Amino acid sequence: MLKVVGKISELEKNEIRNLNNHKIGLEELIPILDKKSMLYKRAVADLENTSKLYTNWWKHHAEKYQWERGKREWIVLFKSNEIVIEL
């Protein structure tokens, strides 16, 4: 069961969507790259940086809006800009 614990602005939604999409793209790319290549090293560094930005986005907004915590991480419903948790 999901519970709505908050709502974010359109700008905030776009920020987290972009970070999430970039993170997923890198996670899918890295396994197919040659581990000795410069591209692999850059992708790993980019993933590390993007993951930090992603985590920091959630921390910042959770504090800003005082979102209740659930069993797992918060979820963004992109169509409605709502933040939900699993009960």
PDB file of N, CA and C in Angstrom:
ATOM      1  N   MET A   1       0.839  -1.175   0.000  1.00  0.00           N
ATOM      2  CA  MET A   1       0.000   0.000   0.000  1.00  0.00           C
ATOM      3  C   MET A   1       0.889   1.245   0.000  1.00  0.00           C
ATOM      4  N   LEU A   2       0.534   2.216  -0.837  1.00  0.00           N
ATOM      5  CA  LEU A   2       1.300   3.445  -0.946  1.00  0.00           C
ATOM      6  C   LEU A   2       0.570   4.587  -0.252  1.00  0.00           C
ATOM      7  N   LYS A   3       1.359   5.474   0.344  1.00  0.00           N
ATOM      8  CA  LYS A   3       0.812   6.649   1.019  1.00  0.00           C
ATOM      9  C   LYS A   3       1.514   7.888   0.474  1.00  0.00           C
ATOM     10  N   VAL A   4       0.745   8.899   0.104  1.00  0.00           N
ATOM     11  CA  VAL A   4       1.310  10.169  -0.357  1.00  0.00           C
ATOM     12  C   VAL A   4       1.826  10.927   0.864  1.00  0.00           C
ATOM     13  N   VAL A   5       3.110  11.319   0.801  1.00  0.00           N
ATOM     14  CA  VAL A   5       3.715  12.058   1.920  1.00  0.00           C
ATOM     15  C   VAL A   5       4.140  13.464   1.524  1.00  0.00           C
ATOM     16  N   GLY A   6       3.982  13.801   0.255  1.00  0.00           N
ATOM     17  CA  GLY A   6       4.361  15.132  -0.177  1.00  0.00           C
ATOM     18  C   GLY A   6       4.178  15.329  -1.661  1.00  0.00           C
ATOM     19  N   LYS A   7       4.526  16.527  -2.096  1.00  0.00           N
ATOM     20  CA  LYS A   7       4.436  16.881  -3.503  1.00  0.00           C
ATOM     21  C   LYS A   7       5.607  17.806  -3.815  1.00  0.00           C
ATOM     22  N   ILE A   8       6.175  17.664  -5.007  1.00  0.00           N
ATOM     23  CA  ILE A   8       7.292  18.498  -5.415  1.00  0.00           C
ATOM     24  C   ILE A   8       6.886  19.365  -6.603  1.00  0.00           C
ATOM     25  N   SER A   9       7.667  20.403  -6.831  1.00  0.00           N
ATOM     26  CA  SER A   9       7.396  21.300  -7.950  1.00  0.00           C
ATOM     27  C   SER A   9       7.804  20.640  -9.263  1.00  0.00           C
ATOM     28  N   GLU A  10       7.392  21.246 -10.338  1.00  0.00           N
ATOM     29  CA  GLU A  10       7.750  20.760 -11.671  1.00  0.00           C
ATOM     30  C   GLU A  10       9.276  20.787 -11.855  1.00  0.00           C
ATOM     31  N   LEU A  11       9.912  21.849 -11.382  1.00  0.00           N
ATOM     32  CA  LEU A  11      11.372  21.963 -11.474  1.00  0.00           C
ATOM     33  C   LEU A  11      12.052  20.853 -10.680  1.00  0.00           C
ATOM     34  N   GLU A  12      11.587  20.610  -9.471  1.00  0.00           N
ATOM     35  CA  GLU A  12      12.160  19.545  -8.640  1.00  0.00           C
ATOM     36  C   GLU A  12      11.962  18.174  -9.283  1.00  0.00           C
ATOM     37  N   LYS A  13      10.797  17.968  -9.867  1.00  0.00           N
ATOM     38  CA  LYS A  13      10.534  16.701 -10.555  1.00  0.00           C
ATOM     39  C   LYS A  13      11.513  16.508 -11.703  1.00  0.00           C
ATOM     40  N   ASN A  14      11.743  17.565 -12.477  1.00  0.00           N
ATOM     41  CA  ASN A  14      12.664  17.470 -13.607  1.00  0.00           C
ATOM     42  C   ASN A  14      14.093  17.199 -13.136  1.00  0.00           C
ATOM     43  N   GLU A  15      14.484  17.805 -12.021  1.00  0.00           N
ATOM     44  CA  GLU A  15      15.825  17.560 -11.474  1.00  0.00           C
ATOM     45  C   GLU A  15      16.024  16.088 -11.127  1.00  0.00           C
ATOM     46  N   ILE A  16      15.097  15.520 -10.374  1.00  0.00           N
ATOM     47  CA  ILE A  16      15.272  14.129  -9.943  1.00  0.00           C
ATOM     48  C   ILE A  16      15.080  13.160 -11.116  1.00  0.00           C
ATOM     49  N   ARG A  17      14.222  13.498 -12.043  1.00  0.00           N
ATOM     50  CA  ARG A  17      14.045  12.642 -13.225  1.00  0.00           C
ATOM     51  C   ARG A  17      15.335  12.604 -14.044  1.00  0.00           C
ATOM     52  N   ASN A  18      15.954  13.767 -14.244  1.00  0.00           N
ATOM     53  CA  ASN A  18      17.205  13.819 -15.011  1.00  0.00           C
ATOM     54  C   ASN A  18      18.318  13.045 -14.310  1.00  0.00           C
ATOM     55  N   LEU A  19      18.443  13.233 -12.994  1.00  0.00           N
ATOM     56  CA  LEU A  19      19.461  12.482 -12.248  1.00  0.00           C
ATOM     57  C   LEU A  19      19.203  10.987 -12.331  1.00  0.00           C
ATOM     58  N   ASN A  20      17.964  10.592 -12.159  1.00  0.00           N
ATOM     59  CA  ASN A  20      17.606   9.178 -12.204  1.00  0.00           C
ATOM     60  C   ASN A  20      17.891   8.581 -13.584  1.00  0.00           C
ATOM     61  N   ASN A  21      17.483   9.271 -14.635  1.00  0.00           N
ATOM     62  CA  ASN A  21      17.716   8.777 -15.994  1.00  0.00           C
ATOM     63  C   ASN A  21      19.205   8.660 -16.295  1.00  0.00           C
ATOM     64  N   HIS A  22      19.985   9.647 -15.864  1.00  0.00           N
ATOM     65  CA  HIS A  22      21.429   9.623 -16.099  1.00  0.00           C
ATOM     66  C   HIS A  22      22.076   8.459 -15.346  1.00  0.00           C
ATOM     67  N   LYS A  23      21.668   8.270 -14.108  1.00  0.00           N
ATOM     68  CA  LYS A  23      22.187   7.183 -13.272  1.00  0.00           C
ATOM     69  C   LYS A  23      21.874   5.817 -13.894  1.00  0.00           C
ATOM     70  N   ILE A  24      20.648   5.637 -14.312  1.00  0.00           N
ATOM     71  CA  ILE A  24      20.242   4.362 -14.931  1.00  0.00           C
ATOM     72  C   ILE A  24      21.018   4.122 -16.226  1.00  0.00           C
ATOM     73  N   GLY A  25      21.167   5.167 -17.029  1.00  0.00           N
ATOM     74  CA  GLY A  25      21.911   5.040 -18.281  1.00  0.00           C
ATOM     75  C   GLY A  25      23.349   4.607 -18.049  1.00  0.00           C
ATOM     76  N   LEU A  26      23.995   5.202 -17.062  1.00  0.00           N
ATOM     77  CA  LEU A  26      25.373   4.826 -16.740  1.00  0.00           C
ATOM     78  C   LEU A  26      25.445   3.395 -16.206  1.00  0.00           C
ATOM     79  N   GLU A  27      24.495   3.017 -15.370  1.00  0.00           N
ATOM     80  CA  GLU A  27      24.471   1.650 -14.832  1.00  0.00           C
ATOM     81  C   GLU A  27      24.305   0.615 -15.936  1.00  0.00           C
ATOM     82  N   GLU A  28      23.607   0.972 -17.000  1.00  0.00           N
ATOM     83  CA  GLU A  28      23.431   0.061 -18.129  1.00  0.00           C
ATOM     84  C   GLU A  28      24.638   0.072 -19.064  1.00  0.00           C
ATOM     85  N   LEU A  29      25.314   1.202 -19.162  1.00  0.00           N
ATOM     86  CA  LEU A  29      26.461   1.350 -20.057  1.00  0.00           C
ATOM     87  C   LEU A  29      27.716   0.683 -19.513  1.00  0.00           C
ATOM     88  N   ILE A  30      27.999   0.885 -18.261  1.00  0.00           N
ATOM     89  CA  ILE A  30      29.270   0.448 -17.675  1.00  0.00           C
ATOM     90  C   ILE A  30      29.570  -1.038 -17.898  1.00  0.00           C
ATOM     91  N   PRO A  31      28.627  -1.953 -17.725  1.00  0.00           N
ATOM     92  CA  PRO A  31      28.963  -3.374 -17.907  1.00  0.00           C
ATOM     93  C   PRO A  31      29.411  -3.759 -19.325  1.00  0.00           C
ATOM     94  N   ILE A  32      29.077  -2.950 -20.311  1.00  0.00           N
ATOM     95  CA  ILE A  32      29.459  -3.317 -21.680  1.00  0.00           C
ATOM     96  C   ILE A  32      30.751  -2.644 -22.150  1.00  0.00           C
ATOM     97  N   LEU A  33      31.319  -1.791 -21.302  1.00  0.00           N
ATOM     98  CA  LEU A  33      32.563  -1.103 -21.672  1.00  0.00           C
ATOM     99  C   LEU A  33      33.782  -1.928 -21.286  1.00  0.00           C
ATOM    100  N   ASP A  34      34.864  -1.719 -22.016  1.00  0.00           N
ATOM    101  CA  ASP A  34      36.152  -2.342 -21.705  1.00  0.00           C
ATOM    102  C   ASP A  34      36.690  -1.705 -20.429  1.00  0.00           C
ATOM    103  N   LYS A  35      36.926  -2.509 -19.419  1.00  0.00           N
ATOM    104  CA  LYS A  35      37.348  -2.000 -18.113  1.00  0.00           C
ATOM    105  C   LYS A  35      38.692  -1.275 -18.146  1.00  0.00           C
ATOM    106  N   LYS A  36      39.446  -1.468 -19.191  1.00  0.00           N
ATOM    107  CA  LYS A  36      40.744  -0.805 -19.298  1.00  0.00           C
ATOM    108  C   LYS A  36      40.660   0.528 -20.039  1.00  0.00           C
ATOM    109  N   SER A  37      39.504   0.828 -20.589  1.00  0.00           N
ATOM    110  CA  SER A  37      39.371   2.033 -21.416  1.00  0.00           C
ATOM    111  C   SER A  37      39.156   3.289 -20.571  1.00  0.00           C
ATOM    112  N   MET A  38      39.520   4.412 -21.153  1.00  0.00           N
ATOM    113  CA  MET A  38      39.306   5.700 -20.510  1.00  0.00           C
ATOM    114  C   MET A  38      37.808   5.986 -20.389  1.00  0.00           C
ATOM    115  N   LEU A  39      37.035   5.550 -21.375  1.00  0.00           N
ATOM    116  CA  LEU A  39      35.584   5.754 -21.335  1.00  0.00           C
ATOM    117  C   LEU A  39      34.974   5.052 -20.119  1.00  0.00           C
ATOM    118  N   TYR A  40      35.451   3.853 -19.828  1.00  0.00           N
ATOM    119  CA  TYR A  40      34.974   3.113 -18.650  1.00  0.00           C
ATOM    120  C   TYR A  40      35.287   3.906 -17.379  1.00  0.00           C
ATOM    121  N   LYS A  41      36.510   4.377 -17.269  1.00  0.00           N
ATOM    122  CA  LYS A  41      36.914   5.135 -16.076  1.00  0.00           C
ATOM    123  C   LYS A  41      36.081   6.411 -15.918  1.00  0.00           C
ATOM    124  N   ARG A  42      35.817   7.081 -17.019  1.00  0.00           N
ATOM    125  CA  ARG A  42      34.995   8.299 -16.973  1.00  0.00           C
ATOM    126  C   ARG A  42      33.553   7.973 -16.582  1.00  0.00           C
ATOM    127  N   ALA A  43      33.028   6.880 -17.133  1.00  0.00           N
ATOM    128  CA  ALA A  43      31.654   6.494 -16.822  1.00  0.00           C
ATOM    129  C   ALA A  43      31.508   6.113 -15.355  1.00  0.00           C
ATOM    130  N   VAL A  44      32.481   5.403 -14.812  1.00  0.00           N
ATOM    131  CA  VAL A  44      32.450   5.018 -13.398  1.00  0.00           C
ATOM    132  C   VAL A  44      32.518   6.262 -12.511  1.00  0.00           C
ATOM    133  N   ALA A  45      33.384   7.193 -12.857  1.00  0.00           N
ATOM    134  CA  ALA A  45      33.495   8.440 -12.088  1.00  0.00           C
ATOM    135  C   ALA A  45      32.198   9.248 -12.186  1.00  0.00           C
ATOM    136  N   ASP A  46      31.623   9.286 -13.374  1.00  0.00           N
ATOM    137  CA  ASP A  46      30.363  10.001 -13.570  1.00  0.00           C
ATOM    138  C   ASP A  46      29.244   9.352 -12.763  1.00  0.00           C
ATOM    139  N   LEU A  47      29.209   8.026 -12.733  1.00  0.00           N
ATOM    140  CA  LEU A  47      28.191   7.316 -11.951  1.00  0.00           C
ATOM    141  C   LEU A  47      28.357   7.614 -10.465  1.00  0.00           C
ATOM    142  N   GLU A  48      29.577   7.627 -10.018  1.00  0.00           N
ATOM    143  CA  GLU A  48      29.852   7.939  -8.607  1.00  0.00           C
ATOM    144  C   GLU A  48      29.337   9.348  -8.262  1.00  0.00           C
ATOM    145  N   ASN A  49      29.649  10.312  -9.108  1.00  0.00           N
ATOM    146  CA  ASN A  49      29.208  11.684  -8.898  1.00  0.00           C
ATOM    147  C   ASN A  49      27.682  11.804  -8.990  1.00  0.00           C
ATOM    148  N   THR A  50      27.095  11.187  -9.987  1.00  0.00           N
ATOM    149  CA  THR A  50      25.652  11.245 -10.180  1.00  0.00           C
ATOM    150  C   THR A  50      24.917  10.580  -9.020  1.00  0.00           C
ATOM    151  N   SER A  51      25.443   9.482  -8.528  1.00  0.00           N
ATOM    152  CA  SER A  51      24.830   8.802  -7.380  1.00  0.00           C
ATOM    153  C   SER A  51      24.851   9.688  -6.136  1.00  0.00           C
ATOM    154  N   LYS A  52      25.939  10.418  -5.945  1.00  0.00           N
ATOM    155  CA  LYS A  52      26.020  11.351  -4.817  1.00  0.00           C
ATOM    156  C   LYS A  52      24.989  12.467  -4.969  1.00  0.00           C
ATOM    157  N   LEU A  53      24.893  13.022  -6.169  1.00  0.00           N
ATOM    158  CA  LEU A  53      23.921  14.081  -6.426  1.00  0.00           C
ATOM    159  C   LEU A  53      22.491  13.573  -6.199  1.00  0.00           C
ATOM    160  N   TYR A  54      22.223  12.359  -6.640  1.00  0.00           N
ATOM    161  CA  TYR A  54      20.913  11.731  -6.485  1.00  0.00           C
ATOM    162  C   TYR A  54      20.569  11.563  -4.999  1.00  0.00           C
ATOM    163  N   THR A  55      21.497  11.012  -4.243  1.00  0.00           N
ATOM    164  CA  THR A  55      21.299  10.815  -2.805  1.00  0.00           C
ATOM    165  C   THR A  55      21.127  12.149  -2.090  1.00  0.00           C
ATOM    166  N   ASN A  56      21.960  13.116  -2.441  1.00  0.00           N
ATOM    167  CA  ASN A  56      21.858  14.436  -1.821  1.00  0.00           C
ATOM    168  C   ASN A  56      20.548  15.129  -2.153  1.00  0.00           C
ATOM    169  N   TRP A  57      20.035  14.932  -3.365  1.00  0.00           N
ATOM    170  CA  TRP A  57      18.746  15.508  -3.732  1.00  0.00           C
ATOM    171  C   TRP A  57      17.668  14.982  -2.791  1.00  0.00           C
ATOM    172  N   TRP A  58      17.641  13.664  -2.586  1.00  0.00           N
ATOM    173  CA  TRP A  58      16.634  13.065  -1.713  1.00  0.00           C
ATOM    174  C   TRP A  58      16.793  13.538  -0.276  1.00  0.00           C
ATOM    175  N   LYS A  59      18.012  13.580   0.233  1.00  0.00           N
ATOM    176  CA  LYS A  59      18.252  14.041   1.602  1.00  0.00           C
ATOM    177  C   LYS A  59      17.767  15.474   1.791  1.00  0.00           C
ATOM    178  N   HIS A  60      18.168  16.334   0.865  1.00  0.00           N
ATOM    179  CA  HIS A  60      17.799  17.745   0.948  1.00  0.00           C
ATOM    180  C   HIS A  60      16.280  17.935   0.939  1.00  0.00           C
ATOM    181  N   HIS A  61      15.611  17.286   0.002  1.00  0.00           N
ATOM    182  CA  HIS A  61      14.170  17.477  -0.135  1.00  0.00           C
ATOM    183  C   HIS A  61      13.389  16.799   0.996  1.00  0.00           C
ATOM    184  N   ALA A  62      13.887  15.689   1.486  1.00  0.00           N
ATOM    185  CA  ALA A  62      13.235  15.027   2.628  1.00  0.00           C
ATOM    186  C   ALA A  62      13.284  15.932   3.857  1.00  0.00           C
ATOM    187  N   GLU A  63      14.413  16.597   4.056  1.00  0.00           N
ATOM    188  CA  GLU A  63      14.539  17.530   5.180  1.00  0.00           C
ATOM    189  C   GLU A  63      13.687  18.778   4.943  1.00  0.00           C
ATOM    190  N   LYS A  64      13.750  19.298   3.742  1.00  0.00           N
ATOM    191  CA  LYS A  64      13.004  20.511   3.396  1.00  0.00           C
ATOM    192  C   LYS A  64      11.501  20.333   3.619  1.00  0.00           C
ATOM    193  N   TYR A  65      10.975  19.203   3.183  1.00  0.00           N
ATOM    194  CA  TYR A  65       9.537  18.971   3.248  1.00  0.00           C
ATOM    195  C   TYR A  65       9.107  18.092   4.429  1.00  0.00           C
ATOM    196  N   GLN A  66      10.077  17.595   5.187  1.00  0.00           N
ATOM    197  CA  GLN A  66       9.783  16.740   6.353  1.00  0.00           C
ATOM    198  C   GLN A  66       8.920  15.530   5.977  1.00  0.00           C
ATOM    199  N   TRP A  67       9.366  14.790   4.953  1.00  0.00           N
ATOM    200  CA  TRP A  67       8.614  13.631   4.506  1.00  0.00           C
ATOM    201  C   TRP A  67       8.697  12.490   5.507  1.00  0.00           C
ATOM    202  N   GLU A  68       7.595  11.855   5.697  1.00  0.00           N
ATOM    203  CA  GLU A  68       7.521  10.638   6.510  1.00  0.00           C
ATOM    204  C   GLU A  68       8.303   9.541   5.797  1.00  0.00           C
ATOM    205  N   ARG A  69       8.883   8.639   6.575  1.00  0.00           N
ATOM    206  CA  ARG A  69       9.621   7.512   5.995  1.00  0.00           C
ATOM    207  C   ARG A  69       8.730   6.285   5.931  1.00  0.00           C
ATOM    208  N   GLY A  70       9.026   5.432   4.965  1.00  0.00           N
ATOM    209  CA  GLY A  70       8.280   4.183   4.814  1.00  0.00           C
ATOM    210  C   GLY A  70       9.205   2.993   4.974  1.00  0.00           C
ATOM    211  N   LYS A  71       8.768   1.849   4.483  1.00  0.00           N
ATOM    212  CA  LYS A  71       9.564   0.626   4.561  1.00  0.00           C
ATOM    213  C   LYS A  71      10.808   0.709   3.673  1.00  0.00           C
ATOM    214  N   ARG A  72      10.681   1.418   2.568  1.00  0.00           N
ATOM    215  CA  ARG A  72      11.782   1.550   1.608  1.00  0.00           C
ATOM    216  C   ARG A  72      11.979   3.023   1.277  1.00  0.00           C
ATOM    217  N   GLU A  73      12.659   3.267   0.181  1.00  0.00           N
ATOM    218  CA  GLU A  73      12.919   4.641  -0.256  1.00  0.00           C
ATOM    219  C   GLU A  73      11.634   5.313  -0.732  1.00  0.00           C
ATOM    220  N   TRP A  74      11.669   6.640  -0.804  1.00  0.00           N
ATOM    221  CA  TRP A  74      10.547   7.390  -1.353  1.00  0.00           C
ATOM    222  C   TRP A  74      10.462   7.120  -2.852  1.00  0.00           C
ATOM    223  N   ILE A  75       9.278   7.298  -3.388  1.00  0.00           N
ATOM    224  CA  ILE A  75       9.021   7.097  -4.814  1.00  0.00           C
ATOM    225  C   ILE A  75       8.385   8.368  -5.356  1.00  0.00           C
ATOM    226  N   VAL A  76       8.803   8.796  -6.544  1.00  0.00           N
ATOM    227  CA  VAL A  76       8.177   9.935  -7.212  1.00  0.00           C
ATOM    228  C   VAL A  76       7.160   9.400  -8.204  1.00  0.00           C
ATOM    229  N   LEU A  77       5.944   9.902  -8.125  1.00  0.00           N
ATOM    230  CA  LEU A  77       4.940   9.628  -9.152  1.00  0.00           C
ATOM    231  C   LEU A  77       5.032  10.803 -10.128  1.00  0.00           C
ATOM    232  N   PHE A  78       5.713  10.582 -11.249  1.00  0.00           N
ATOM    233  CA  PHE A  78       6.044  11.676 -12.152  1.00  0.00           C
ATOM    234  C   PHE A  78       4.820  12.352 -12.768  1.00  0.00           C
ATOM    235  N   LYS A  79       3.730  11.634 -12.937  1.00  0.00           N
ATOM    236  CA  LYS A  79       2.534  12.246 -13.531  1.00  0.00           C
ATOM    237  C   LYS A  79       1.890  13.258 -12.597  1.00  0.00           C
ATOM    238  N   SER A  80       1.952  13.010 -11.299  1.00  0.00           N
ATOM    239  CA  SER A  80       1.277  13.878 -10.330  1.00  0.00           C
ATOM    240  C   SER A  80       2.239  14.704  -9.463  1.00  0.00           C
ATOM    241  N   ASN A  81       3.552  14.444  -9.595  1.00  0.00           N
ATOM    242  CA  ASN A  81       4.586  15.109  -8.775  1.00  0.00           C
ATOM    243  C   ASN A  81       4.490  14.743  -7.303  1.00  0.00           C
ATOM    244  N   GLU A  82       3.791  13.661  -6.977  1.00  0.00           N
ATOM    245  CA  GLU A  82       3.633  13.252  -5.594  1.00  0.00           C
ATOM    246  C   GLU A  82       4.782  12.350  -5.164  1.00  0.00           C
ATOM    247  N   ILE A  83       5.121  12.456  -3.897  1.00  0.00           N
ATOM    248  CA  ILE A  83       6.109  11.577  -3.272  1.00  0.00           C
ATOM    249  C   ILE A  83       5.328  10.603  -2.415  1.00  0.00           C
ATOM    250  N   VAL A  84       5.605   9.312  -2.608  1.00  0.00           N
ATOM    251  CA  VAL A  84       4.878   8.282  -1.869  1.00  0.00           C
ATOM    252  C   VAL A  84       5.853   7.358  -1.166  1.00  0.00           C
ATOM    253  N   ILE A  85       5.321   6.658  -0.165  1.00  0.00           N
ATOM    254  CA  ILE A  85       6.074   5.637   0.552  1.00  0.00           C
ATOM    255  C   ILE A  85       5.245   4.368   0.576  1.00  0.00           C
ATOM    256  N   GLU A  86       5.951   3.265   0.752  1.00  0.00           N
ATOM    257  CA  GLU A  86       5.270   1.983   0.907  1.00  0.00           C
ATOM    258  C   GLU A  86       5.076   1.741   2.399  1.00  0.00           C
ATOM    259  N   LEU A  87       3.848   1.446   2.771  1.00  0.00           N
ATOM    260  CA  LEU A  87       3.536   1.172   4.175  1.00  0.00           C
ATOM    261  C   LEU A  87       3.728  -0.298   4.505  1.00  0.00           C
TER     262      LEU A  87
END
